């Protein structure tokens, strides 16, 4: 694991946010209840008479009621779920969680802005591939709030959102808190000199933006503005 502060290991974490339904929860529950009741009544009318002694023909139209209830319940399930991916926000950056993670580290974010009622993050992943992460205020309000909150604390220069813009509060109880993997540093280039990090112990990682530096070239301040004096090795151990 790359070092943060000498002599200690900071526990890295992030929050995982699942998308909310764009439809009103009350409406979804009402439609689901109607569908469930119809399915129950249809099943009762279709099958119970045939199990009687002596058996009878199913209640008229019960098969149609059963099928209609199934369709209504399916519609409720569709309305209550979203096809959008989950999002992660935390120490490693901002990520799309869709089976595999597509992540933009904090230091690689170019701009964060609001477009069409959504917080949009533009930047590059660890391989330098341009990426965009979108957190709609209608379906991902908590993720949007935490993206802006964390970005203003870590990389404020890339946040192109006025303080006057009304955003949801970043609820400390929102999302699922997960342990984040340590940064992958081997093979990366020192953010100060471009020197390749060949061995993990040679890396020093900015605790604010996740930039990687070689231990022999750690500046007093990171490009994000964070102090790195605690990461500079003593002269005798350099």
C-alpha atoms as a PDB file:
ATOM      1  CA  UNK A   1       0.000   0.000   0.000  1.00  0.00           C
ATOM      2  CA  UNK A   2       1.368   3.423  -0.913  1.00  0.00           C
ATOM      3  CA  UNK A   3       2.212   5.584   2.042  1.00  0.00           C
ATOM      4  CA  UNK A   4       0.183   8.558   3.109  1.00  0.00           C
ATOM      5  CA  UNK A   5       1.641   9.943   6.283  1.00  0.00           C
ATOM      6  CA  UNK A   6       4.858   8.332   7.462  1.00  0.00           C
ATOM      7  CA  UNK A   7       4.325   5.775  10.187  1.00  0.00           C
ATOM      8  CA  UNK A   8       0.585   5.484   9.645  1.00  0.00           C
ATOM      9  CA  UNK A   9      -1.877   4.064   7.174  1.00  0.00           C
ATOM     10  CA  UNK A  10      -5.001   6.041   6.483  1.00  0.00           C
ATOM     11  CA  UNK A  11      -8.106   3.971   6.005  1.00  0.00           C
ATOM     12  CA  UNK A  12      -9.496   4.831   2.593  1.00  0.00           C
ATOM     13  CA  UNK A  13     -13.221   4.739   2.040  1.00  0.00           C
ATOM     14  CA  UNK A  14     -15.924   5.738  -0.392  1.00  0.00           C
ATOM     15  CA  UNK A  15     -19.711   5.881  -0.523  1.00  0.00           C
ATOM     16  CA  UNK A  16     -21.798   3.868  -2.948  1.00  0.00           C
ATOM     17  CA  UNK A  17     -25.060   5.448  -4.088  1.00  0.00           C
ATOM     18  CA  UNK A  18     -27.797   3.468  -5.823  1.00  0.00           C
ATOM     19  CA  UNK A  19     -30.134   5.383  -8.160  1.00  0.00           C
ATOM     20  CA  UNK A  20     -33.608   6.260  -6.966  1.00  0.00           C
ATOM     21  CA  UNK A  21     -36.786   5.858  -8.953  1.00  0.00           C
ATOM     22  CA  UNK A  22     -37.743   8.884 -11.005  1.00  0.00           C
ATOM     23  CA  UNK A  23     -41.398   8.113 -10.240  1.00  0.00           C
ATOM     24  CA  UNK A  24     -42.975   9.066  -6.931  1.00  0.00           C
ATOM     25  CA  UNK A  25     -42.579   6.314  -4.298  1.00  0.00           C
ATOM     26  CA  UNK A  26     -46.244   6.621  -3.261  1.00  0.00           C
ATOM     27  CA  UNK A  27     -47.428   6.138  -6.843  1.00  0.00           C
ATOM     28  CA  UNK A  28     -45.146   3.129  -7.323  1.00  0.00           C
ATOM     29  CA  UNK A  29     -46.445   1.530  -4.107  1.00  0.00           C
ATOM     30  CA  UNK A  30     -50.063   2.175  -5.080  1.00  0.00           C
ATOM     31  CA  UNK A  31     -49.634   0.640  -8.532  1.00  0.00           C
ATOM     32  CA  UNK A  32     -47.787  -2.324  -7.024  1.00  0.00           C
ATOM     33  CA  UNK A  33     -50.567  -2.870  -4.475  1.00  0.00           C
ATOM     34  CA  UNK A  34     -53.260  -2.799  -7.175  1.00  0.00           C
ATOM     35  CA  UNK A  35     -51.299  -5.282  -9.286  1.00  0.00           C
ATOM     36  CA  UNK A  36     -50.726  -7.622  -6.338  1.00  0.00           C
ATOM     37  CA  UNK A  37     -54.396  -7.587  -5.322  1.00  0.00           C
ATOM     38  CA  UNK A  38     -55.490  -8.270  -8.896  1.00  0.00           C
ATOM     39  CA  UNK A  39     -53.047 -11.158  -9.205  1.00  0.00           C
ATOM     40  CA  UNK A  40     -54.258 -12.646  -5.930  1.00  0.00           C
ATOM     41  CA  UNK A  41     -57.919 -12.356  -6.886  1.00  0.00           C
ATOM     42  CA  UNK A  42     -57.296 -13.721 -10.378  1.00  0.00           C
ATOM     43  CA  UNK A  43     -55.287 -16.676  -9.068  1.00  0.00           C
ATOM     44  CA  UNK A  44     -57.984 -17.468  -6.506  1.00  0.00           C
ATOM     45  CA  UNK A  45     -60.760 -17.356  -9.130  1.00  0.00           C
ATOM     46  CA  UNK A  46     -58.750 -19.357 -11.639  1.00  0.00           C
ATOM     47  CA  UNK A  47     -57.453 -22.194  -9.485  1.00  0.00           C
ATOM     48  CA  UNK A  48     -59.508 -22.552  -6.292  1.00  0.00           C
ATOM     49  CA  UNK A  49     -62.721 -23.762  -8.000  1.00  0.00           C
ATOM     50  CA  UNK A  50     -60.797 -26.563  -9.707  1.00  0.00           C
ATOM     51  CA  UNK A  51     -59.542 -27.770  -6.317  1.00  0.00           C
ATOM     52  CA  UNK A  52     -63.002 -27.953  -4.763  1.00  0.00           C
ATOM     53  CA  UNK A  53     -64.878 -31.210  -4.200  1.00  0.00           C
ATOM     54  CA  UNK A  54     -66.526 -31.564  -6.632  1.00  0.00           C
ATOM     55  CA  UNK A  55     -64.374 -29.310  -8.868  1.00  0.00           C
ATOM     56  CA  UNK A  56     -65.958 -26.351 -10.671  1.00  0.00           C
ATOM     57  CA  UNK A  57     -65.052 -24.276 -13.671  1.00  0.00           C
ATOM     58  CA  UNK A  58     -62.819 -21.251 -12.989  1.00  0.00           C
ATOM     59  CA  UNK A  59     -64.529 -17.951 -12.270  1.00  0.00           C
ATOM     60  CA  UNK A  60     -65.298 -16.089 -15.463  1.00  0.00           C
ATOM     61  CA  UNK A  61     -62.592 -13.589 -16.500  1.00  0.00           C
ATOM     62  CA  UNK A  62     -60.300 -14.683 -13.648  1.00  0.00           C
ATOM     63  CA  UNK A  63     -57.517 -15.538 -16.099  1.00  0.00           C
ATOM     64  CA  UNK A  64     -57.735 -12.030 -17.546  1.00  0.00           C
ATOM     65  CA  UNK A  65     -57.646 -10.492 -14.069  1.00  0.00           C
ATOM     66  CA  UNK A  66     -54.569 -12.592 -13.220  1.00  0.00           C
ATOM     67  CA  UNK A  67     -52.783 -11.546 -16.401  1.00  0.00           C
ATOM     68  CA  UNK A  68     -53.740  -7.910 -15.969  1.00  0.00           C
ATOM     69  CA  UNK A  69     -52.483  -7.924 -12.375  1.00  0.00           C
ATOM     70  CA  UNK A  70     -49.160  -9.353 -13.510  1.00  0.00           C
ATOM     71  CA  UNK A  71     -48.813  -6.588 -16.099  1.00  0.00           C
ATOM     72  CA  UNK A  72     -49.640  -3.861 -13.564  1.00  0.00           C
ATOM     73  CA  UNK A  73     -47.192  -5.304 -11.016  1.00  0.00           C
ATOM     74  CA  UNK A  74     -44.507  -5.491 -13.695  1.00  0.00           C
ATOM     75  CA  UNK A  75     -45.141  -1.836 -14.512  1.00  0.00           C
ATOM     76  CA  UNK A  76     -44.722  -0.940 -10.834  1.00  0.00           C
ATOM     77  CA  UNK A  77     -41.409  -2.797 -10.682  1.00  0.00           C
ATOM     78  CA  UNK A  78     -40.248  -1.011 -13.842  1.00  0.00           C
ATOM     79  CA  UNK A  79     -41.233   2.393 -12.446  1.00  0.00           C
ATOM     80  CA  UNK A  80     -39.615   1.632  -9.111  1.00  0.00           C
ATOM     81  CA  UNK A  81     -36.230   0.775 -10.552  1.00  0.00           C
ATOM     82  CA  UNK A  82     -33.767   2.723 -12.654  1.00  0.00           C
ATOM     83  CA  UNK A  83     -31.504   1.648 -15.465  1.00  0.00           C
ATOM     84  CA  UNK A  84     -28.858   4.091 -14.289  1.00  0.00           C
ATOM     85  CA  UNK A  85     -25.678   2.719 -12.700  1.00  0.00           C
ATOM     86  CA  UNK A  86     -24.666   3.184  -9.093  1.00  0.00           C
ATOM     87  CA  UNK A  87     -22.084   5.849  -8.341  1.00  0.00           C
ATOM     88  CA  UNK A  88     -19.169   5.934  -5.896  1.00  0.00           C
ATOM     89  CA  UNK A  89     -17.649   9.006  -4.269  1.00  0.00           C
ATOM     90  CA  UNK A  90     -14.724   8.983  -1.853  1.00  0.00           C
ATOM     91  CA  UNK A  91     -10.974   8.996  -1.408  1.00  0.00           C
ATOM     92  CA  UNK A  92     -10.159   7.439  -4.819  1.00  0.00           C
ATOM     93  CA  UNK A  93     -12.368   9.879  -6.750  1.00  0.00           C
ATOM     94  CA  UNK A  94     -15.714   9.575  -8.557  1.00  0.00           C
ATOM     95  CA  UNK A  95     -16.709   6.288 -10.179  1.00  0.00           C
ATOM     96  CA  UNK A  96     -19.461   4.599 -12.144  1.00  0.00           C
ATOM     97  CA  UNK A  97     -20.250   1.216 -10.605  1.00  0.00           C
ATOM     98  CA  UNK A  98     -21.762  -0.981 -13.297  1.00  0.00           C
ATOM     99  CA  UNK A  99     -20.330  -4.440 -12.721  1.00  0.00           C
ATOM    100  CA  UNK A 100     -16.855  -2.975 -13.085  1.00  0.00           C
ATOM    101  CA  UNK A 101     -15.650   0.430 -11.916  1.00  0.00           C
ATOM    102  CA  UNK A 102     -14.948   3.336 -14.238  1.00  0.00           C
ATOM    103  CA  UNK A 103     -13.211   5.899 -12.053  1.00  0.00           C
ATOM    104  CA  UNK A 104     -11.983   9.468 -12.420  1.00  0.00           C
ATOM    105  CA  UNK A 105      -9.396  10.270  -9.720  1.00  0.00           C
ATOM    106  CA  UNK A 106      -9.725  13.673  -8.108  1.00  0.00           C
ATOM    107  CA  UNK A 107      -6.506  14.953  -9.652  1.00  0.00           C
ATOM    108  CA  UNK A 108      -7.693  13.971 -13.147  1.00  0.00           C
ATOM    109  CA  UNK A 109     -11.009  15.860 -13.001  1.00  0.00           C
ATOM    110  CA  UNK A 110     -11.102  18.745 -15.481  1.00  0.00           C
ATOM    111  CA  UNK A 111     -14.484  20.244 -14.653  1.00  0.00           C
ATOM    112  CA  UNK A 112     -17.575  19.759 -12.519  1.00  0.00           C
ATOM    113  CA  UNK A 113     -20.694  21.638 -13.557  1.00  0.00           C
ATOM    114  CA  UNK A 114     -24.488  21.477 -13.602  1.00  0.00           C
ATOM    115  CA  UNK A 115     -26.099  20.635 -16.930  1.00  0.00           C
ATOM    116  CA  UNK A 116     -29.821  19.983 -17.369  1.00  0.00           C
ATOM    117  CA  UNK A 117     -30.508  19.346 -13.666  1.00  0.00           C
ATOM    118  CA  UNK A 118     -27.502  17.051 -13.191  1.00  0.00           C
ATOM    119  CA  UNK A 119     -24.020  17.340 -11.728  1.00  0.00           C
ATOM    120  CA  UNK A 120     -21.613  16.398 -14.521  1.00  0.00           C
ATOM    121  CA  UNK A 121     -18.000  15.375 -13.863  1.00  0.00           C
ATOM    122  CA  UNK A 122     -15.551  15.438 -16.763  1.00  0.00           C
ATOM    123  CA  UNK A 123     -12.010  14.141 -16.632  1.00  0.00           C
ATOM    124  CA  UNK A 124      -9.804  11.152 -17.397  1.00  0.00           C
ATOM    125  CA  UNK A 125      -9.388   7.734 -15.853  1.00  0.00           C
ATOM    126  CA  UNK A 126      -6.056   6.273 -14.720  1.00  0.00           C
ATOM    127  CA  UNK A 127      -5.239   5.350 -18.320  1.00  0.00           C
ATOM    128  CA  UNK A 128      -5.862   8.861 -19.592  1.00  0.00           C
ATOM    129  CA  UNK A 129      -9.138   7.970 -21.328  1.00  0.00           C
ATOM    130  CA  UNK A 130     -11.703  10.826 -21.250  1.00  0.00           C
ATOM    131  CA  UNK A 131     -14.654   9.962 -19.010  1.00  0.00           C
ATOM    132  CA  UNK A 132     -17.893  11.591 -17.899  1.00  0.00           C
ATOM    133  CA  UNK A 133     -19.888  10.821 -14.766  1.00  0.00           C
ATOM    134  CA  UNK A 134     -23.435  12.205 -14.493  1.00  0.00           C
ATOM    135  CA  UNK A 135     -25.402  12.400 -11.247  1.00  0.00           C
ATOM    136  CA  UNK A 136     -28.998  13.455 -11.922  1.00  0.00           C
ATOM    137  CA  UNK A 137     -30.595  15.438  -9.125  1.00  0.00           C
ATOM    138  CA  UNK A 138     -33.830  13.487  -9.657  1.00  0.00           C
ATOM    139  CA  UNK A 139     -32.364   9.991  -9.290  1.00  0.00           C
ATOM    140  CA  UNK A 140     -28.941  10.521  -7.664  1.00  0.00           C
ATOM    141  CA  UNK A 141     -29.376  13.557  -5.364  1.00  0.00           C
ATOM    142  CA  UNK A 142     -27.112  12.184  -2.617  1.00  0.00           C
ATOM    143  CA  UNK A 143     -24.323  11.308  -5.042  1.00  0.00           C
ATOM    144  CA  UNK A 144     -24.568  14.760  -6.620  1.00  0.00           C
ATOM    145  CA  UNK A 145     -24.366  16.430  -3.203  1.00  0.00           C
ATOM    146  CA  UNK A 146     -21.348  14.378  -2.137  1.00  0.00           C
ATOM    147  CA  UNK A 147     -19.525  14.917  -5.434  1.00  0.00           C
ATOM    148  CA  UNK A 148     -19.761  18.677  -5.030  1.00  0.00           C
ATOM    149  CA  UNK A 149     -18.945  18.588  -1.309  1.00  0.00           C
ATOM    150  CA  UNK A 150     -15.849  16.417  -1.768  1.00  0.00           C
ATOM    151  CA  UNK A 151     -14.671  18.287  -4.854  1.00  0.00           C
ATOM    152  CA  UNK A 152     -14.902  21.666  -3.135  1.00  0.00           C
ATOM    153  CA  UNK A 153     -12.744  20.287  -0.324  1.00  0.00           C
ATOM    154  CA  UNK A 154     -10.220  18.498  -2.543  1.00  0.00           C
ATOM    155  CA  UNK A 155     -10.028  20.196  -5.953  1.00  0.00           C
ATOM    156  CA  UNK A 156     -12.058  23.409  -5.667  1.00  0.00           C
ATOM    157  CA  UNK A 157     -10.604  24.950  -8.829  1.00  0.00           C
ATOM    158  CA  UNK A 158     -12.448  22.474 -11.070  1.00  0.00           C
ATOM    159  CA  UNK A 159     -15.878  23.117  -9.523  1.00  0.00           C
ATOM    160  CA  UNK A 160     -17.776  25.431 -11.848  1.00  0.00           C
ATOM    161  CA  UNK A 161     -20.906  25.615  -9.686  1.00  0.00           C
ATOM    162  CA  UNK A 162     -21.857  28.803  -7.896  1.00  0.00           C
ATOM    163  CA  UNK A 163     -22.345  28.703  -4.143  1.00  0.00           C
ATOM    164  CA  UNK A 164     -25.768  30.247  -4.815  1.00  0.00           C
ATOM    165  CA  UNK A 165     -26.973  27.141  -6.676  1.00  0.00           C
ATOM    166  CA  UNK A 166     -29.355  25.134  -4.513  1.00  0.00           C
ATOM    167  CA  UNK A 167     -28.167  21.550  -4.111  1.00  0.00           C
ATOM    168  CA  UNK A 168     -29.243  18.736  -1.773  1.00  0.00           C
ATOM    169  CA  UNK A 169     -27.353  18.579   1.520  1.00  0.00           C
ATOM    170  CA  UNK A 170     -24.624  15.955   1.748  1.00  0.00           C
ATOM    171  CA  UNK A 171     -26.244  13.686   4.331  1.00  0.00           C
ATOM    172  CA  UNK A 172     -23.574  11.882   6.348  1.00  0.00           C
ATOM    173  CA  UNK A 173     -25.852   8.839   6.539  1.00  0.00           C
ATOM    174  CA  UNK A 174     -26.435   8.657   2.783  1.00  0.00           C
ATOM    175  CA  UNK A 175     -25.015   5.853   0.703  1.00  0.00           C
ATOM    176  CA  UNK A 176     -23.216   2.680   1.684  1.00  0.00           C
ATOM    177  CA  UNK A 177     -19.752   3.275   3.111  1.00  0.00           C
ATOM    178  CA  UNK A 178     -17.208   0.888   1.610  1.00  0.00           C
ATOM    179  CA  UNK A 179     -13.521   0.331   2.174  1.00  0.00           C
ATOM    180  CA  UNK A 180     -11.596   1.642  -0.814  1.00  0.00           C
ATOM    181  CA  UNK A 181      -8.671  -0.198  -2.324  1.00  0.00           C
ATOM    182  CA  UNK A 182      -5.218   1.340  -1.947  1.00  0.00           C
ATOM    183  CA  UNK A 183      -4.077   3.392  -4.938  1.00  0.00           C
ATOM    184  CA  UNK A 184      -2.221   1.523  -7.654  1.00  0.00           C
ATOM    185  CA  UNK A 185       1.088   3.378  -7.880  1.00  0.00           C
ATOM    186  CA  UNK A 186       3.534   1.057  -9.635  1.00  0.00           C
ATOM    187  CA  UNK A 187       4.017   2.144 -13.232  1.00  0.00           C
ATOM    188  CA  UNK A 188       2.653   5.638 -12.674  1.00  0.00           C
ATOM    189  CA  UNK A 189       4.686   8.766 -13.270  1.00  0.00           C
ATOM    190  CA  UNK A 190       5.704  11.155 -10.527  1.00  0.00           C
ATOM    191  CA  UNK A 191       3.415  14.191 -10.787  1.00  0.00           C
ATOM    192  CA  UNK A 192       6.416  16.490 -10.220  1.00  0.00           C
ATOM    193  CA  UNK A 193       9.231  14.993 -12.318  1.00  0.00           C
ATOM    194  CA  UNK A 194       7.558  12.387 -14.543  1.00  0.00           C
ATOM    195  CA  UNK A 195       9.811   9.681 -13.087  1.00  0.00           C
ATOM    196  CA  UNK A 196       8.216   6.223 -13.246  1.00  0.00           C
ATOM    197  CA  UNK A 197       7.360   4.629  -9.913  1.00  0.00           C
ATOM    198  CA  UNK A 198       9.045   1.226 -10.145  1.00  0.00           C
ATOM    199  CA  UNK A 199       8.528   0.093  -6.548  1.00  0.00           C
ATOM    200  CA  UNK A 200       5.535   0.703  -4.314  1.00  0.00           C
ATOM    201  CA  UNK A 201       7.606   1.895  -1.300  1.00  0.00           C
ATOM    202  CA  UNK A 202       8.972   4.709  -3.494  1.00  0.00           C
ATOM    203  CA  UNK A 203       5.509   6.252  -3.919  1.00  0.00           C
ATOM    204  CA  UNK A 204       3.956   9.041  -1.898  1.00  0.00           C
ATOM    205  CA  UNK A 205       0.266   9.786  -2.479  1.00  0.00           C
ATOM    206  CA  UNK A 206      -1.430  13.116  -1.855  1.00  0.00           C
ATOM    207  CA  UNK A 207      -4.151  12.441   0.742  1.00  0.00           C
ATOM    208  CA  UNK A 208      -6.409  15.053  -0.814  1.00  0.00           C
ATOM    209  CA  UNK A 209      -6.368  14.407  -4.577  1.00  0.00           C
ATOM    210  CA  UNK A 210      -4.527  11.049  -4.954  1.00  0.00           C
ATOM    211  CA  UNK A 211      -1.663  12.440  -7.060  1.00  0.00           C
ATOM    212  CA  UNK A 212       1.392  10.208  -6.939  1.00  0.00           C
ATOM    213  CA  UNK A 213       4.937  11.463  -6.302  1.00  0.00           C
ATOM    214  CA  UNK A 214       8.282   9.716  -6.102  1.00  0.00           C
ATOM    215  CA  UNK A 215       9.615   9.870  -2.559  1.00  0.00           C
ATOM    216  CA  UNK A 216      12.728  11.698  -3.762  1.00  0.00           C
ATOM    217  CA  UNK A 217      10.691  14.429  -5.465  1.00  0.00           C
ATOM    218  CA  UNK A 218       7.883  15.275  -3.065  1.00  0.00           C
ATOM    219  CA  UNK A 219       7.155  19.019  -3.137  1.00  0.00           C
ATOM    220  CA  UNK A 220       6.039  20.904  -0.049  1.00  0.00           C
ATOM    221  CA  UNK A 221       2.647  21.437  -1.648  1.00  0.00           C
ATOM    222  CA  UNK A 222       0.672  19.321  -4.085  1.00  0.00           C
ATOM    223  CA  UNK A 223      -0.761  20.834  -7.252  1.00  0.00           C
ATOM    224  CA  UNK A 224      -4.161  20.693  -5.529  1.00  0.00           C
ATOM    225  CA  UNK A 225      -2.840  22.911  -2.730  1.00  0.00           C
ATOM    226  CA  UNK A 226      -2.540  20.279  -0.003  1.00  0.00           C
ATOM    227  CA  UNK A 227       0.532  20.334   2.220  1.00  0.00           C
ATOM    228  CA  UNK A 228       2.856  17.385   1.590  1.00  0.00           C
ATOM    229  CA  UNK A 229       5.517  18.169   4.183  1.00  0.00           C
ATOM    230  CA  UNK A 230       4.567  15.063   6.174  1.00  0.00           C
ATOM    231  CA  UNK A 231       5.362  12.910   3.109  1.00  0.00           C
ATOM    232  CA  UNK A 232       8.864  14.269   2.520  1.00  0.00           C
ATOM    233  CA  UNK A 233      11.422  11.677   3.686  1.00  0.00           C
ATOM    234  CA  UNK A 234      14.138  12.641   6.117  1.00  0.00           C
ATOM    235  CA  UNK A 235      17.450  13.352   4.464  1.00  0.00           C
ATOM    236  CA  UNK A 236      18.983  10.202   5.951  1.00  0.00           C
ATOM    237  CA  UNK A 237      16.234   7.975   4.525  1.00  0.00           C
ATOM    238  CA  UNK A 238      15.830   9.643   1.126  1.00  0.00           C
END
